[in-house]
């Protein structure tokens, strides 16, 4: 299933650090295919990004987006079920 991401694209280290500090869930995509459910970033370096479930992604092959406002509300609601 492919989809078009609607959140903010994270490309720089600063953007990744901000999302990480806010524990903001991100979606990882390769082309237009979402790879994992949205989860916060727990670590990164120049080559990789690691999300909360331990999955590691190559930064050169993956794009990362924050959730749109609508998706963020659904995500928060799912945490409180």
C-alpha atoms as a PDB file:
ATOM      1  CA  UNK A   1       0.000   0.000   0.000  1.00  0.00           C
ATOM      2  CA  UNK A   2       1.437   3.359  -0.908  1.00  0.00           C
ATOM      3  CA  UNK A   3       0.355   6.671   0.483  1.00  0.00           C
ATOM      4  CA  UNK A   4       1.368  10.290   0.383  1.00  0.00           C
ATOM      5  CA  UNK A   5       2.826  11.609   3.650  1.00  0.00           C
ATOM      6  CA  UNK A   6       1.233  14.810   4.952  1.00  0.00           C
ATOM      7  CA  UNK A   7       3.461  15.757   7.877  1.00  0.00           C
ATOM      8  CA  UNK A   8       6.701  17.740   8.040  1.00  0.00           C
ATOM      9  CA  UNK A   9       9.697  16.199   6.256  1.00  0.00           C
ATOM     10  CA  UNK A  10      12.714  15.668   8.534  1.00  0.00           C
ATOM     11  CA  UNK A  11      15.948  16.050   6.574  1.00  0.00           C
ATOM     12  CA  UNK A  12      18.504  17.797   8.770  1.00  0.00           C
ATOM     13  CA  UNK A  13      20.069  16.683  12.027  1.00  0.00           C
ATOM     14  CA  UNK A  14      18.442  19.681  13.727  1.00  0.00           C
ATOM     15  CA  UNK A  15      14.961  18.646  12.560  1.00  0.00           C
ATOM     16  CA  UNK A  16      15.563  15.074  13.732  1.00  0.00           C
ATOM     17  CA  UNK A  17      16.860  16.326  17.125  1.00  0.00           C
ATOM     18  CA  UNK A  18      13.756  18.509  17.568  1.00  0.00           C
ATOM     19  CA  UNK A  19      11.401  15.610  16.794  1.00  0.00           C
ATOM     20  CA  UNK A  20      13.429  13.345  19.076  1.00  0.00           C
ATOM     21  CA  UNK A  21      13.392  15.844  21.964  1.00  0.00           C
ATOM     22  CA  UNK A  22       9.626  16.268  21.633  1.00  0.00           C
ATOM     23  CA  UNK A  23       9.193  12.466  21.439  1.00  0.00           C
ATOM     24  CA  UNK A  24       7.164  13.175  18.333  1.00  0.00           C
ATOM     25  CA  UNK A  25       6.136  10.026  16.446  1.00  0.00           C
ATOM     26  CA  UNK A  26       7.495   9.870  12.921  1.00  0.00           C
ATOM     27  CA  UNK A  27       6.655   7.807   9.878  1.00  0.00           C
ATOM     28  CA  UNK A  28       9.446   6.222   7.839  1.00  0.00           C
ATOM     29  CA  UNK A  29       8.947   5.888   4.084  1.00  0.00           C
ATOM     30  CA  UNK A  30      10.844   4.319   1.255  1.00  0.00           C
ATOM     31  CA  UNK A  31       9.509   5.836  -1.950  1.00  0.00           C
ATOM     32  CA  UNK A  32       5.806   6.201  -0.998  1.00  0.00           C
ATOM     33  CA  UNK A  33       5.634   2.993   1.060  1.00  0.00           C
ATOM     34  CA  UNK A  34       5.355   3.439   4.821  1.00  0.00           C
ATOM     35  CA  UNK A  35       7.734   1.008   6.497  1.00  0.00           C
ATOM     36  CA  UNK A  36       6.568   0.910  10.138  1.00  0.00           C
ATOM     37  CA  UNK A  37       3.814   2.337  12.342  1.00  0.00           C
ATOM     38  CA  UNK A  38       4.547   5.857  13.629  1.00  0.00           C
ATOM     39  CA  UNK A  39       6.939   5.836  16.576  1.00  0.00           C
ATOM     40  CA  UNK A  40       9.349   8.339  18.179  1.00  0.00           C
ATOM     41  CA  UNK A  41      13.013   8.443  17.182  1.00  0.00           C
ATOM     42  CA  UNK A  42      15.341   7.235  19.944  1.00  0.00           C
ATOM     43  CA  UNK A  43      18.690   7.733  18.219  1.00  0.00           C
ATOM     44  CA  UNK A  44      20.412   8.754  15.014  1.00  0.00           C
ATOM     45  CA  UNK A  45      23.764   9.467  13.424  1.00  0.00           C
ATOM     46  CA  UNK A  46      24.920  10.523   9.959  1.00  0.00           C
ATOM     47  CA  UNK A  47      23.957   7.148   8.467  1.00  0.00           C
ATOM     48  CA  UNK A  48      21.020   5.730  10.437  1.00  0.00           C
ATOM     49  CA  UNK A  49      17.893   6.564  12.409  1.00  0.00           C
ATOM     50  CA  UNK A  50      16.567   4.226  15.128  1.00  0.00           C
ATOM     51  CA  UNK A  51      12.933   4.313  16.234  1.00  0.00           C
ATOM     52  CA  UNK A  52      11.394   3.255  19.539  1.00  0.00           C
ATOM     53  CA  UNK A  53      10.761  -0.399  18.573  1.00  0.00           C
ATOM     54  CA  UNK A  54      14.476  -0.835  17.785  1.00  0.00           C
ATOM     55  CA  UNK A  55      14.123  -0.732  13.996  1.00  0.00           C
ATOM     56  CA  UNK A  56      17.054   0.962  12.259  1.00  0.00           C
ATOM     57  CA  UNK A  57      16.710   2.770   8.930  1.00  0.00           C
ATOM     58  CA  UNK A  58      19.378   4.017   6.534  1.00  0.00           C
ATOM     59  CA  UNK A  59      18.998   7.769   6.156  1.00  0.00           C
ATOM     60  CA  UNK A  60      20.117   7.593   2.526  1.00  0.00           C
ATOM     61  CA  UNK A  61      17.244   5.249   1.575  1.00  0.00           C
ATOM     62  CA  UNK A  62      14.480   6.432   3.893  1.00  0.00           C
ATOM     63  CA  UNK A  63      12.528   9.650   4.394  1.00  0.00           C
ATOM     64  CA  UNK A  64      10.988  10.617   7.725  1.00  0.00           C
ATOM     65  CA  UNK A  65       7.861  12.667   8.324  1.00  0.00           C
ATOM     66  CA  UNK A  66       6.154  13.897  11.440  1.00  0.00           C
ATOM     67  CA  UNK A  67       2.436  13.204  11.736  1.00  0.00           C
ATOM     68  CA  UNK A  68      -0.082  15.678  10.375  1.00  0.00           C
ATOM     69  CA  UNK A  69      -2.304  17.298  13.017  1.00  0.00           C
ATOM     70  CA  UNK A  70      -5.134  14.915  12.163  1.00  0.00           C
ATOM     71  CA  UNK A  71      -2.876  11.839  12.299  1.00  0.00           C
ATOM     72  CA  UNK A  72      -1.332  13.048  15.576  1.00  0.00           C
ATOM     73  CA  UNK A  73      -4.787  13.257  17.177  1.00  0.00           C
ATOM     74  CA  UNK A  74      -5.595   9.699  16.050  1.00  0.00           C
ATOM     75  CA  UNK A  75      -2.208   8.514  17.329  1.00  0.00           C
ATOM     76  CA  UNK A  76      -2.768  10.102  20.755  1.00  0.00           C
ATOM     77  CA  UNK A  77      -6.280   8.631  20.953  1.00  0.00           C
ATOM     78  CA  UNK A  78      -4.908   5.165  20.195  1.00  0.00           C
ATOM     79  CA  UNK A  79      -2.459   5.454  23.107  1.00  0.00           C
ATOM     80  CA  UNK A  80      -5.277   6.073  25.582  1.00  0.00           C
ATOM     81  CA  UNK A  81      -7.396   3.052  24.664  1.00  0.00           C
END
